Amino acid sequence: MNSLLCCYFPTKIVFVDDNSRMLKSLRAILDMNVASYDFFDDPYTALEFINNSQTINFLSPSFSIREREVEEIYKTIYNPKRHEEVSTVIVDYEMPGMKGLEFCEKLNNPHIRKILYTGVADEELAIQAFNKGIIDGFIRKNTTGQAAVINEFIRESQFKYFKSLTGSSVESIIKEYAVGNPEDTALYDPVFASYFNELLEKNNICEYYLNDISGGFVFLTSKGRPSALFIYSEENFENIQLEFQGIFENKIAEGKRISSSLIKDLEENRKTVCLPFCGVKMQPDPEVWEKYAYPVQTLKGNQTYYVAYVPDADYVNHSEIISFEKYSRSK
């Protein structure tokens, strides 16, 4: 039973090769939109750098998610060092003083993806190392379509890094919840996964963070523009719509002016009110809830889900976010 990742953001990819010209040629073919990069021609310096790098709090293997609610994960967007997270190392097999396999074995973080950069003569050793779990893959030097191969390795490695890191913490909580409440979470539903991935591509989203165990997320583009996704099971959606309608009825009875069109949209399930999530000190008055009302889309998967996408979420403090683009320009 595989769920969507609970979080994802561009990480740091480290290249290690004693040939500085090789590093320079690699730098020229990398996709700068998916990760940040560091290059080392000395394996000892690289090893010290990686082993001294810090893992973000909730990603630490020793961290228990029970110490913090799932809804708190999105606050990672305020961590300016999140893009310093080393997820992948691509290291040359043949280096003086320390071979690539020895380098990989000396890495402290077992979740870092280790990719060996090999020549033809080293391929058999690389296959053996892969089968033993010492490395997670290898790339042949001068292979056809090298740029595409390396960039695809990087994309896959980042994904697998987060999958490995969070599998024993956050995802174990999600799985436990899903077993007891299968109708309340869409995270294991392939229909929702397809919708989710299309949403990422359509809106140029490069970071996402789970903030509701049902499948709600906070998103960031590379420029730091935040958006959010709200999702409800059929039963929960009916309850929340009735709750909003009841609140409006009480406010109208108190003499408050509430949009009649919004009430009708709620009654006919065309829209739902997506109020600011946790972390906002004050909830807005119902009189201005119309600005928080968004169109509802129905998804038919293992269950029926109701989703609302908030394209410009003012639920987070934009000024405190260091976007991936801003981080990249500062390097």
C-alpha atoms as a PDB file:
ATOM      1  CA  MET A   1       0.000   0.000   0.000  1.00  0.00           C
ATOM      2  CA  ASN A   2       1.864   3.070  -1.297  1.00  0.00           C
ATOM      3  CA  SER A   3       0.773   6.607  -0.494  1.00  0.00           C
ATOM      4  CA  LEU A   4       1.698   9.946  -1.988  1.00  0.00           C
ATOM      5  CA  LEU A   5       4.736  11.574  -0.407  1.00  0.00           C
ATOM      6  CA  CYS A   6       3.933  13.677   2.648  1.00  0.00           C
ATOM      7  CA  CYS A   7       6.419  16.295   1.463  1.00  0.00           C
ATOM      8  CA  TYR A   8       8.741  17.132  -1.387  1.00  0.00           C
ATOM      9  CA  PHE A   9      11.033  20.037  -2.191  1.00  0.00           C
ATOM     10  CA  PRO A  10      14.169  20.612  -4.282  1.00  0.00           C
ATOM     11  CA  THR A  11      17.193  19.286  -2.408  1.00  0.00           C
ATOM     12  CA  LYS A  12      20.962  19.464  -2.829  1.00  0.00           C
ATOM     13  CA  ILE A  13      22.740  17.035  -5.148  1.00  0.00           C
ATOM     14  CA  VAL A  14      26.467  16.538  -4.543  1.00  0.00           C
ATOM     15  CA  PHE A  15      28.876  15.559  -7.323  1.00  0.00           C
ATOM     16  CA  VAL A  16      32.289  14.166  -6.397  1.00  0.00           C
ATOM     17  CA  ASP A  17      35.024  13.644  -8.999  1.00  0.00           C
ATOM     18  CA  ASP A  18      38.755  14.336  -8.829  1.00  0.00           C
ATOM     19  CA  ASN A  19      38.590  15.536 -12.438  1.00  0.00           C
ATOM     20  CA  SER A  20      37.588  19.198 -12.225  1.00  0.00           C
ATOM     21  CA  ARG A  21      37.012  19.374 -15.990  1.00  0.00           C
ATOM     22  CA  MET A  22      34.494  16.549 -15.688  1.00  0.00           C
ATOM     23  CA  LEU A  23      32.684  18.450 -12.950  1.00  0.00           C
ATOM     24  CA  LYS A  24      32.581  21.550 -15.128  1.00  0.00           C
ATOM     25  CA  SER A  25      31.064  19.594 -18.027  1.00  0.00           C
ATOM     26  CA  LEU A  26      28.460  18.057 -15.718  1.00  0.00           C
ATOM     27  CA  ARG A  27      27.491  21.462 -14.353  1.00  0.00           C
ATOM     28  CA  ALA A  28      26.583  22.580 -17.874  1.00  0.00           C
ATOM     29  CA  ILE A  29      24.005  19.832 -18.483  1.00  0.00           C
ATOM     30  CA  LEU A  30      22.105  19.875 -15.170  1.00  0.00           C
ATOM     31  CA  ASP A  31      18.506  20.990 -14.802  1.00  0.00           C
ATOM     32  CA  MET A  32      18.674  23.892 -12.365  1.00  0.00           C
ATOM     33  CA  ASN A  33      14.902  23.880 -11.878  1.00  0.00           C
ATOM     34  CA  VAL A  34      14.731  20.608  -9.946  1.00  0.00           C
ATOM     35  CA  ALA A  35      17.606  20.794  -7.438  1.00  0.00           C
ATOM     36  CA  SER A  36      20.641  22.715  -6.234  1.00  0.00           C
ATOM     37  CA  TYR A  37      24.150  21.360  -6.745  1.00  0.00           C
ATOM     38  CA  ASP A  38      27.558  21.279  -5.107  1.00  0.00           C
ATOM     39  CA  PHE A  39      30.733  19.994  -6.758  1.00  0.00           C
ATOM     40  CA  PHE A  40      33.830  18.592  -5.057  1.00  0.00           C
ATOM     41  CA  ASP A  41      37.101  17.410  -6.592  1.00  0.00           C
ATOM     42  CA  ASP A  42      38.325  16.173  -3.194  1.00  0.00           C
ATOM     43  CA  PRO A  43      36.363  13.195  -1.758  1.00  0.00           C
ATOM     44  CA  TYR A  44      37.517  13.883   1.814  1.00  0.00           C
ATOM     45  CA  THR A  45      36.191  17.447   1.739  1.00  0.00           C
ATOM     46  CA  ALA A  46      32.954  16.224   0.183  1.00  0.00           C
ATOM     47  CA  LEU A  47      32.523  13.494   2.799  1.00  0.00           C
ATOM     48  CA  GLU A  48      33.039  15.959   5.644  1.00  0.00           C
ATOM     49  CA  PHE A  49      30.551  18.376   4.103  1.00  0.00           C
ATOM     50  CA  ILE A  50      27.838  15.744   3.664  1.00  0.00           C
ATOM     51  CA  ASN A  51      28.288  14.055   7.030  1.00  0.00           C
ATOM     52  CA  ASN A  52      28.166  17.414   8.815  1.00  0.00           C
ATOM     53  CA  SER A  53      25.022  18.548   6.991  1.00  0.00           C
ATOM     54  CA  GLN A  54      21.867  18.742   9.086  1.00  0.00           C
ATOM     55  CA  THR A  55      18.600  16.966   8.351  1.00  0.00           C
ATOM     56  CA  ILE A  56      15.460  19.073   8.742  1.00  0.00           C
ATOM     57  CA  ASN A  57      13.754  18.392  12.059  1.00  0.00           C
ATOM     58  CA  PHE A  58      10.754  16.271  11.108  1.00  0.00           C
ATOM     59  CA  LEU A  59      12.782  14.409   8.465  1.00  0.00           C
ATOM     60  CA  SER A  60      15.218  13.103  11.054  1.00  0.00           C
ATOM     61  CA  PRO A  61      14.965   9.303  11.385  1.00  0.00           C
ATOM     62  CA  SER A  62      14.920   9.716  15.181  1.00  0.00           C
ATOM     63  CA  PHE A  63      12.014  12.161  15.113  1.00  0.00           C
ATOM     64  CA  SER A  64       8.593  10.891  16.170  1.00  0.00           C
ATOM     65  CA  ILE A  65       5.743  12.484  14.224  1.00  0.00           C
ATOM     66  CA  ARG A  66       3.567  12.023  17.296  1.00  0.00           C
ATOM     67  CA  GLU A  67       5.526  14.880  18.829  1.00  0.00           C
ATOM     68  CA  ARG A  68       4.039  17.193  16.216  1.00  0.00           C
ATOM     69  CA  GLU A  69       0.756  17.069  14.360  1.00  0.00           C
ATOM     70  CA  VAL A  70       0.824  16.295  10.650  1.00  0.00           C
ATOM     71  CA  GLU A  71      -0.678  19.736  10.085  1.00  0.00           C
ATOM     72  CA  GLU A  72       2.610  21.284  11.232  1.00  0.00           C
ATOM     73  CA  ILE A  73       4.695  19.811   8.405  1.00  0.00           C
ATOM     74  CA  TYR A  74       3.904  22.680   6.033  1.00  0.00           C
ATOM     75  CA  LYS A  75       5.775  25.118   8.295  1.00  0.00           C
ATOM     76  CA  THR A  76       8.938  23.728   6.713  1.00  0.00           C
ATOM     77  CA  ILE A  77       8.338  26.334   3.982  1.00  0.00           C
ATOM     78  CA  TYR A  78       9.662  28.916   6.463  1.00  0.00           C
ATOM     79  CA  ASN A  79      12.955  27.032   6.898  1.00  0.00           C
ATOM     80  CA  PRO A  80      15.502  28.859   4.713  1.00  0.00           C
ATOM     81  CA  LYS A  81      17.877  25.881   4.877  1.00  0.00           C
ATOM     82  CA  ARG A  82      15.495  23.258   3.502  1.00  0.00           C
ATOM     83  CA  HIS A  83      17.164  23.335   0.084  1.00  0.00           C
ATOM     84  CA  GLU A  84      20.482  22.453   1.769  1.00  0.00           C
ATOM     85  CA  GLU A  85      19.114  18.963   2.457  1.00  0.00           C
ATOM     86  CA  VAL A  86      21.508  16.516   0.716  1.00  0.00           C
ATOM     87  CA  SER A  87      19.441  13.803  -0.938  1.00  0.00           C
ATOM     88  CA  THR A  88      21.783  12.381  -3.576  1.00  0.00           C
ATOM     89  CA  VAL A  89      25.470  11.871  -4.179  1.00  0.00           C
ATOM     90  CA  ILE A  90      26.861  11.131  -7.641  1.00  0.00           C
ATOM     91  CA  VAL A  91      30.448  10.006  -7.177  1.00  0.00           C
ATOM     92  CA  ASP A  92      33.179   8.866  -9.543  1.00  0.00           C
ATOM     93  CA  TYR A  93      34.239   5.266  -9.111  1.00  0.00           C
ATOM     94  CA  GLU A  94      37.967   5.782  -9.642  1.00  0.00           C
ATOM     95  CA  MET A  95      39.529   8.514  -7.471  1.00  0.00           C
ATOM     96  CA  PRO A  96      42.995   8.711  -5.874  1.00  0.00           C
ATOM     97  CA  GLY A  97      42.979   8.151  -2.115  1.00  0.00           C
ATOM     98  CA  MET A  98      39.346   7.047  -1.869  1.00  0.00           C
ATOM     99  CA  LYS A  99      37.378   5.085  -4.419  1.00  0.00           C
ATOM    100  CA  GLY A 100      33.721   5.840  -5.027  1.00  0.00           C
ATOM    101  CA  LEU A 101      32.445   2.693  -3.288  1.00  0.00           C
ATOM    102  CA  GLU A 102      34.468   3.450  -0.165  1.00  0.00           C
ATOM    103  CA  PHE A 103      33.081   6.987  -0.215  1.00  0.00           C
ATOM    104  CA  CYS A 104      29.512   5.667  -0.351  1.00  0.00           C
ATOM    105  CA  GLU A 105      30.138   3.306   2.557  1.00  0.00           C
ATOM    106  CA  LYS A 106      31.386   6.201   4.720  1.00  0.00           C
ATOM    107  CA  LEU A 107      28.210   8.289   4.382  1.00  0.00           C
ATOM    108  CA  ASN A 108      26.425   8.575   7.727  1.00  0.00           C
ATOM    109  CA  ASN A 109      22.916   9.207   6.441  1.00  0.00           C
ATOM    110  CA  PRO A 110      21.598   5.838   5.173  1.00  0.00           C
ATOM    111  CA  HIS A 111      18.779   7.545   3.259  1.00  0.00           C
ATOM    112  CA  ILE A 112      21.045   9.493   0.897  1.00  0.00           C
ATOM    113  CA  ARG A 113      20.822   8.052  -2.595  1.00  0.00           C
ATOM    114  CA  LYS A 114      24.231   6.923  -3.817  1.00  0.00           C
ATOM    115  CA  ILE A 115      24.892   6.934  -7.558  1.00  0.00           C
ATOM    116  CA  LEU A 116      28.216   5.705  -8.947  1.00  0.00           C
ATOM    117  CA  TYR A 117      29.703   7.355 -12.023  1.00  0.00           C
ATOM    118  CA  THR A 118      31.590   4.607 -13.832  1.00  0.00           C
ATOM    119  CA  GLY A 119      33.704   3.795 -16.841  1.00  0.00           C
ATOM    120  CA  VAL A 120      33.197   0.662 -18.933  1.00  0.00           C
ATOM    121  CA  ALA A 121      35.851  -1.274 -16.966  1.00  0.00           C
ATOM    122  CA  ASP A 122      34.078  -0.564 -13.661  1.00  0.00           C
ATOM    123  CA  GLU A 123      30.593  -1.656 -14.720  1.00  0.00           C
ATOM    124  CA  GLU A 124      30.738  -5.198 -13.343  1.00  0.00           C
ATOM    125  CA  LEU A 125      31.894  -3.911  -9.941  1.00  0.00           C
ATOM    126  CA  ALA A 126      29.094  -1.346  -9.989  1.00  0.00           C
ATOM    127  CA  ILE A 127      26.510  -4.062 -10.653  1.00  0.00           C
ATOM    128  CA  GLN A 128      27.860  -6.089  -7.739  1.00  0.00           C
ATOM    129  CA  ALA A 129      27.749  -3.034  -5.457  1.00  0.00           C
ATOM    130  CA  PHE A 130      24.163  -2.328  -6.532  1.00  0.00           C
ATOM    131  CA  ASN A 131      23.106  -5.898  -5.807  1.00  0.00           C
ATOM    132  CA  LYS A 132      24.690  -5.649  -2.334  1.00  0.00           C
ATOM    133  CA  GLY A 133      22.852  -2.383  -1.615  1.00  0.00           C
ATOM    134  CA  ILE A 134      26.038  -0.328  -1.357  1.00  0.00           C
ATOM    135  CA  ILE A 135      24.823   1.990  -4.109  1.00  0.00           C
ATOM    136  CA  ASP A 136      21.382   2.821  -5.497  1.00  0.00           C
ATOM    137  CA  GLY A 137      22.400   2.966  -9.134  1.00  0.00           C
ATOM    138  CA  PHE A 138      25.183   3.807 -11.551  1.00  0.00           C
ATOM    139  CA  ILE A 139      25.624   6.000 -14.587  1.00  0.00           C
ATOM    140  CA  ARG A 140      28.025   5.107 -17.369  1.00  0.00           C
ATOM    141  CA  LYS A 141      30.378   7.857 -18.470  1.00  0.00           C
ATOM    142  CA  ASN A 142      29.882   9.069 -22.026  1.00  0.00           C
ATOM    143  CA  THR A 143      26.579   7.212 -22.255  1.00  0.00           C
ATOM    144  CA  THR A 144      24.223   8.251 -25.046  1.00  0.00           C
ATOM    145  CA  GLY A 145      21.874  11.018 -23.921  1.00  0.00           C
ATOM    146  CA  GLN A 146      23.892  11.597 -20.764  1.00  0.00           C
ATOM    147  CA  ALA A 147      22.124  14.828 -19.797  1.00  0.00           C
ATOM    148  CA  ALA A 148      18.687  13.204 -19.870  1.00  0.00           C
ATOM    149  CA  VAL A 149      19.944  10.151 -17.969  1.00  0.00           C
ATOM    150  CA  ILE A 150      21.578  12.175 -15.174  1.00  0.00           C
ATOM    151  CA  ASN A 151      18.659  14.565 -14.763  1.00  0.00           C
ATOM    152  CA  GLU A 152      16.182  11.676 -14.615  1.00  0.00           C
ATOM    153  CA  PHE A 153      18.342   9.966 -11.969  1.00  0.00           C
ATOM    154  CA  ILE A 154      18.236  13.184  -9.942  1.00  0.00           C
ATOM    155  CA  ARG A 155      14.436  13.456 -10.131  1.00  0.00           C
ATOM    156  CA  GLU A 156      13.942   9.837  -9.141  1.00  0.00           C
ATOM    157  CA  SER A 157      16.562  10.003  -6.393  1.00  0.00           C
ATOM    158  CA  GLN A 158      14.970  13.016  -4.726  1.00  0.00           C
ATOM    159  CA  PHE A 159      11.598  11.266  -4.725  1.00  0.00           C
ATOM    160  CA  LYS A 160      13.074   8.057  -3.288  1.00  0.00           C
ATOM    161  CA  TYR A 161      15.004  10.025  -0.666  1.00  0.00           C
ATOM    162  CA  PHE A 162      11.818  11.522   0.779  1.00  0.00           C
ATOM    163  CA  LYS A 163      10.070   8.179   0.507  1.00  0.00           C
ATOM    164  CA  SER A 164      12.850   6.506   2.494  1.00  0.00           C
ATOM    165  CA  LEU A 165      13.154   9.250   5.119  1.00  0.00           C
ATOM    166  CA  THR A 166       9.481   9.577   5.915  1.00  0.00           C
ATOM    167  CA  GLY A 167       8.504   5.936   5.518  1.00  0.00           C
ATOM    168  CA  SER A 168       9.244   5.046   9.133  1.00  0.00           C
ATOM    169  CA  SER A 169       7.770   8.203  10.634  1.00  0.00           C
ATOM    170  CA  VAL A 170       5.077  10.213   8.891  1.00  0.00           C
ATOM    171  CA  GLU A 171       3.903   7.525   6.477  1.00  0.00           C
ATOM    172  CA  SER A 172       3.557   4.954   9.239  1.00  0.00           C
ATOM    173  CA  ILE A 173       1.072   7.294  10.941  1.00  0.00           C
ATOM    174  CA  ILE A 174      -0.781   7.815   7.663  1.00  0.00           C
ATOM    175  CA  LYS A 175      -0.959   4.076   7.037  1.00  0.00           C
ATOM    176  CA  GLU A 176      -2.239   3.425  10.556  1.00  0.00           C
ATOM    177  CA  TYR A 177      -4.910   6.079  10.078  1.00  0.00           C
ATOM    178  CA  ALA A 178      -5.881   4.744   6.634  1.00  0.00           C
ATOM    179  CA  VAL A 179      -6.414   1.226   7.956  1.00  0.00           C
ATOM    180  CA  GLY A 180      -8.873   2.459  10.578  1.00  0.00           C
ATOM    181  CA  ASN A 181     -10.422   5.210   8.446  1.00  0.00           C
ATOM    182  CA  PRO A 182     -10.148   4.081   4.801  1.00  0.00           C
ATOM    183  CA  GLU A 183     -12.943   6.413   3.703  1.00  0.00           C
ATOM    184  CA  ASP A 184     -11.319   9.503   5.232  1.00  0.00           C
ATOM    185  CA  THR A 185      -8.032   9.663   3.336  1.00  0.00           C
ATOM    186  CA  ALA A 186      -7.359   9.775  -0.397  1.00  0.00           C
ATOM    187  CA  LEU A 187      -3.599   9.355  -0.095  1.00  0.00           C
ATOM    188  CA  TYR A 188      -3.698   5.727  -1.231  1.00  0.00           C
ATOM    189  CA  ASP A 189      -6.185   6.252  -4.043  1.00  0.00           C
ATOM    190  CA  PRO A 190      -4.680   6.153  -7.578  1.00  0.00           C
ATOM    191  CA  VAL A 191      -7.436   8.449  -8.885  1.00  0.00           C
ATOM    192  CA  PHE A 192      -6.430  11.107  -6.359  1.00  0.00           C
ATOM    193  CA  ALA A 193      -2.731  10.513  -7.125  1.00  0.00           C
ATOM    194  CA  SER A 194      -3.404  11.156 -10.818  1.00  0.00           C
ATOM    195  CA  TYR A 195      -5.339  14.340 -10.023  1.00  0.00           C
ATOM    196  CA  PHE A 196      -2.565  15.436  -7.639  1.00  0.00           C
ATOM    197  CA  ASN A 197       0.245  14.951 -10.176  1.00  0.00           C
ATOM    198  CA  GLU A 198      -1.699  16.802 -12.878  1.00  0.00           C
ATOM    199  CA  LEU A 199      -2.249  19.654 -10.427  1.00  0.00           C
ATOM    200  CA  LEU A 200       1.486  19.896  -9.761  1.00  0.00           C
ATOM    201  CA  GLU A 201       2.333  20.066 -13.447  1.00  0.00           C
ATOM    202  CA  LYS A 202      -0.459  22.458 -14.394  1.00  0.00           C
ATOM    203  CA  ASN A 203       0.480  24.969 -11.677  1.00  0.00           C
ATOM    204  CA  ASN A 204       4.291  24.636 -11.887  1.00  0.00           C
ATOM    205  CA  ILE A 205       4.479  23.445  -8.282  1.00  0.00           C
ATOM    206  CA  CYS A 206       7.931  22.382  -7.099  1.00  0.00           C
ATOM    207  CA  GLU A 207       7.266  21.937  -3.359  1.00  0.00           C
ATOM    208  CA  TYR A 208       4.402  20.295  -1.485  1.00  0.00           C
ATOM    209  CA  TYR A 209       3.645  19.488   2.143  1.00  0.00           C
ATOM    210  CA  LEU A 210       0.848  17.422   3.633  1.00  0.00           C
ATOM    211  CA  ASN A 211      -1.148  19.445   6.164  1.00  0.00           C
ATOM    212  CA  ASP A 212      -4.192  17.227   6.597  1.00  0.00           C
ATOM    213  CA  ILE A 213      -4.146  13.450   6.848  1.00  0.00           C
ATOM    214  CA  SER A 214      -7.170  13.258   4.556  1.00  0.00           C
ATOM    215  CA  GLY A 215      -5.008  14.541   1.688  1.00  0.00           C
ATOM    216  CA  GLY A 216      -4.847  18.310   2.119  1.00  0.00           C
ATOM    217  CA  PHE A 217      -1.602  19.933   0.973  1.00  0.00           C
ATOM    218  CA  VAL A 218       0.254  23.240   0.916  1.00  0.00           C
ATOM    219  CA  PHE A 219       2.144  23.992  -2.313  1.00  0.00           C
ATOM    220  CA  LEU A 220       4.886  26.359  -3.431  1.00  0.00           C
ATOM    221  CA  THR A 221       6.041  27.296  -6.901  1.00  0.00           C
ATOM    222  CA  SER A 222       9.745  27.938  -7.510  1.00  0.00           C
ATOM    223  CA  LYS A 223       9.005  31.654  -7.060  1.00  0.00           C
ATOM    224  CA  GLY A 224       7.444  30.967  -3.658  1.00  0.00           C
ATOM    225  CA  ARG A 225       3.791  31.496  -4.617  1.00  0.00           C
ATOM    226  CA  PRO A 226       1.733  29.451  -2.133  1.00  0.00           C
ATOM    227  CA  SER A 227      -1.430  27.538  -2.904  1.00  0.00           C
ATOM    228  CA  ALA A 228      -3.401  24.880  -1.066  1.00  0.00           C
ATOM    229  CA  LEU A 229      -5.576  21.835  -1.620  1.00  0.00           C
ATOM    230  CA  PHE A 230      -8.561  20.925   0.525  1.00  0.00           C
ATOM    231  CA  ILE A 231     -10.115  17.463   0.267  1.00  0.00           C
ATOM    232  CA  TYR A 232     -13.070  15.799   1.997  1.00  0.00           C
ATOM    233  CA  SER A 233     -14.720  12.398   1.973  1.00  0.00           C
ATOM    234  CA  GLU A 234     -18.380  12.388   0.970  1.00  0.00           C
ATOM    235  CA  GLU A 235     -19.621  12.197   4.555  1.00  0.00           C
ATOM    236  CA  ASN A 236     -17.227  14.841   5.832  1.00  0.00           C
ATOM    237  CA  PHE A 237     -18.097  17.143   2.953  1.00  0.00           C
ATOM    238  CA  GLU A 238     -21.821  16.919   3.657  1.00  0.00           C
ATOM    239  CA  ASN A 239     -21.183  17.670   7.327  1.00  0.00           C
ATOM    240  CA  ILE A 240     -18.931  20.656   6.677  1.00  0.00           C
ATOM    241  CA  GLN A 241     -21.336  22.154   4.136  1.00  0.00           C
ATOM    242  CA  LEU A 242     -24.194  21.875   6.624  1.00  0.00           C
ATOM    243  CA  GLU A 243     -21.999  23.389   9.319  1.00  0.00           C
ATOM    244  CA  PHE A 244     -21.176  26.420   7.150  1.00  0.00           C
ATOM    245  CA  GLN A 245     -24.841  26.861   6.217  1.00  0.00           C
ATOM    246  CA  GLY A 246     -25.816  26.721   9.902  1.00  0.00           C
ATOM    247  CA  ILE A 247     -23.250  29.374  10.778  1.00  0.00           C
ATOM    248  CA  PHE A 248     -24.594  31.623   8.024  1.00  0.00           C
ATOM    249  CA  GLU A 249     -28.177  31.159   9.214  1.00  0.00           C
ATOM    250  CA  ASN A 250     -27.162  32.234  12.727  1.00  0.00           C
ATOM    251  CA  LYS A 251     -25.317  35.266  11.396  1.00  0.00           C
ATOM    252  CA  ILE A 252     -28.288  36.303   9.281  1.00  0.00           C
ATOM    253  CA  ALA A 253     -30.492  35.983  12.372  1.00  0.00           C
ATOM    254  CA  GLU A 254     -28.080  38.366  14.115  1.00  0.00           C
ATOM    255  CA  GLY A 255     -28.591  40.889  11.324  1.00  0.00           C
ATOM    256  CA  LYS A 256     -25.324  40.201   9.484  1.00  0.00           C
ATOM    257  CA  ARG A 257     -25.167  40.560   5.720  1.00  0.00           C
ATOM    258  CA  ILE A 258     -24.232  37.257   4.097  1.00  0.00           C
ATOM    259  CA  SER A 259     -24.022  36.713   0.336  1.00  0.00           C
ATOM    260  CA  SER A 260     -27.126  34.883  -0.885  1.00  0.00           C
ATOM    261  CA  SER A 261     -25.200  33.558  -3.894  1.00  0.00           C
ATOM    262  CA  LEU A 262     -22.606  31.970  -1.599  1.00  0.00           C
ATOM    263  CA  ILE A 263     -25.315  30.265   0.454  1.00  0.00           C
ATOM    264  CA  LYS A 264     -26.832  28.897  -2.763  1.00  0.00           C
ATOM    265  CA  ASP A 265     -23.425  27.688  -3.952  1.00  0.00           C
ATOM    266  CA  LEU A 266     -22.983  25.851  -0.667  1.00  0.00           C
ATOM    267  CA  GLU A 267     -26.454  24.326  -0.795  1.00  0.00           C
ATOM    268  CA  GLU A 268     -25.847  23.035  -4.313  1.00  0.00           C
ATOM    269  CA  ASN A 269     -22.252  21.933  -3.556  1.00  0.00           C
ATOM    270  CA  ARG A 270     -20.723  24.141  -6.235  1.00  0.00           C
ATOM    271  CA  LYS A 271     -18.356  25.759  -3.741  1.00  0.00           C
ATOM    272  CA  THR A 272     -17.012  25.200  -0.271  1.00  0.00           C
ATOM    273  CA  VAL A 273     -15.401  27.575   2.226  1.00  0.00           C
ATOM    274  CA  CYS A 274     -11.670  26.919   2.613  1.00  0.00           C
ATOM    275  CA  LEU A 275     -10.747  28.761   5.793  1.00  0.00           C
ATOM    276  CA  PRO A 276      -7.120  29.464   6.735  1.00  0.00           C
ATOM    277  CA  PHE A 277      -5.515  26.396   8.263  1.00  0.00           C
ATOM    278  CA  CYS A 278      -3.654  26.117  11.547  1.00  0.00           C
ATOM    279  CA  GLY A 279      -1.058  28.749  12.276  1.00  0.00           C
ATOM    280  CA  VAL A 280      -3.377  31.684  11.593  1.00  0.00           C
ATOM    281  CA  LYS A 281      -4.245  33.310  14.901  1.00  0.00           C
ATOM    282  CA  MET A 282      -7.696  34.630  13.943  1.00  0.00           C
ATOM    283  CA  GLN A 283     -10.375  33.129  11.707  1.00  0.00           C
ATOM    284  CA  PRO A 284     -12.047  35.692   9.413  1.00  0.00           C
ATOM    285  CA  ASP A 285     -15.577  36.818  10.165  1.00  0.00           C
ATOM    286  CA  PRO A 286     -18.247  34.875   8.206  1.00  0.00           C
ATOM    287  CA  GLU A 287     -19.260  38.122   6.526  1.00  0.00           C
ATOM    288  CA  VAL A 288     -16.061  37.956   4.453  1.00  0.00           C
ATOM    289  CA  TRP A 289     -16.070  34.201   3.888  1.00  0.00           C
ATOM    290  CA  GLU A 290     -17.034  34.706   0.246  1.00  0.00           C
ATOM    291  CA  LYS A 291     -13.382  35.451  -0.546  1.00  0.00           C
ATOM    292  CA  TYR A 292     -12.516  32.031   0.896  1.00  0.00           C
ATOM    293  CA  ALA A 293     -15.126  30.161  -1.173  1.00  0.00           C
ATOM    294  CA  TYR A 294     -13.683  28.048  -3.993  1.00  0.00           C
ATOM    295  CA  PRO A 295     -15.146  25.755  -6.668  1.00  0.00           C
ATOM    296  CA  VAL A 296     -15.547  22.107  -5.724  1.00  0.00           C
ATOM    297  CA  GLN A 297     -14.533  19.220  -7.957  1.00  0.00           C
ATOM    298  CA  THR A 298     -15.765  15.668  -7.440  1.00  0.00           C
ATOM    299  CA  LEU A 299     -13.323  12.775  -7.765  1.00  0.00           C
ATOM    300  CA  LYS A 300     -14.624   9.230  -8.164  1.00  0.00           C
ATOM    301  CA  GLY A 301     -12.011   6.784  -6.949  1.00  0.00           C
ATOM    302  CA  ASN A 302     -12.151   4.107  -4.278  1.00  0.00           C
ATOM    303  CA  GLN A 303     -14.444   6.615  -2.577  1.00  0.00           C
ATOM    304  CA  THR A 304     -16.083   9.849  -3.657  1.00  0.00           C
ATOM    305  CA  TYR A 305     -13.955  12.863  -2.768  1.00  0.00           C
ATOM    306  CA  TYR A 306     -14.623  16.574  -2.950  1.00  0.00           C
ATOM    307  CA  VAL A 307     -11.584  18.722  -3.646  1.00  0.00           C
ATOM    308  CA  ALA A 308     -11.080  22.484  -3.753  1.00  0.00           C
ATOM    309  CA  TYR A 309      -7.876  24.093  -4.980  1.00  0.00           C
ATOM    310  CA  VAL A 310      -6.898  27.501  -3.559  1.00  0.00           C
ATOM    311  CA  PRO A 311      -4.590  29.035  -6.196  1.00  0.00           C
ATOM    312  CA  ASP A 312      -3.403  32.048  -4.175  1.00  0.00           C
ATOM    313  CA  ALA A 313      -3.407  31.072  -0.527  1.00  0.00           C
ATOM    314  CA  ASP A 314      -2.968  34.052   1.770  1.00  0.00           C
ATOM    315  CA  TYR A 315      -2.813  31.608   4.660  1.00  0.00           C
ATOM    316  CA  VAL A 316       0.963  31.824   4.932  1.00  0.00           C
ATOM    317  CA  ASN A 317       3.367  34.708   5.411  1.00  0.00           C
ATOM    318  CA  HIS A 318       4.895  35.269   1.968  1.00  0.00           C
ATOM    319  CA  SER A 319       7.626  37.544   3.270  1.00  0.00           C
ATOM    320  CA  GLU A 320       9.067  34.770   5.453  1.00  0.00           C
ATOM    321  CA  ILE A 321       9.384  32.250   2.624  1.00  0.00           C
ATOM    322  CA  ILE A 322      12.739  31.796   0.918  1.00  0.00           C
ATOM    323  CA  SER A 323      11.655  30.400  -2.447  1.00  0.00           C
ATOM    324  CA  PHE A 324      13.748  27.901  -4.362  1.00  0.00           C
ATOM    325  CA  GLU A 325      14.368  30.535  -7.017  1.00  0.00           C
ATOM    326  CA  LYS A 326      15.604  33.047  -4.450  1.00  0.00           C
ATOM    327  CA  TYR A 327      17.772  30.408  -2.788  1.00  0.00           C
ATOM    328  CA  SER A 328      19.298  29.435  -6.146  1.00  0.00           C
ATOM    329  CA  ARG A 329      20.130  33.050  -7.013  1.00  0.00           C
ATOM    330  CA  SER A 330      21.922  33.484  -3.694  1.00  0.00           C
ATOM    331  CA  LYS A 331      24.322  30.613  -4.374  1.00  0.00           C
END
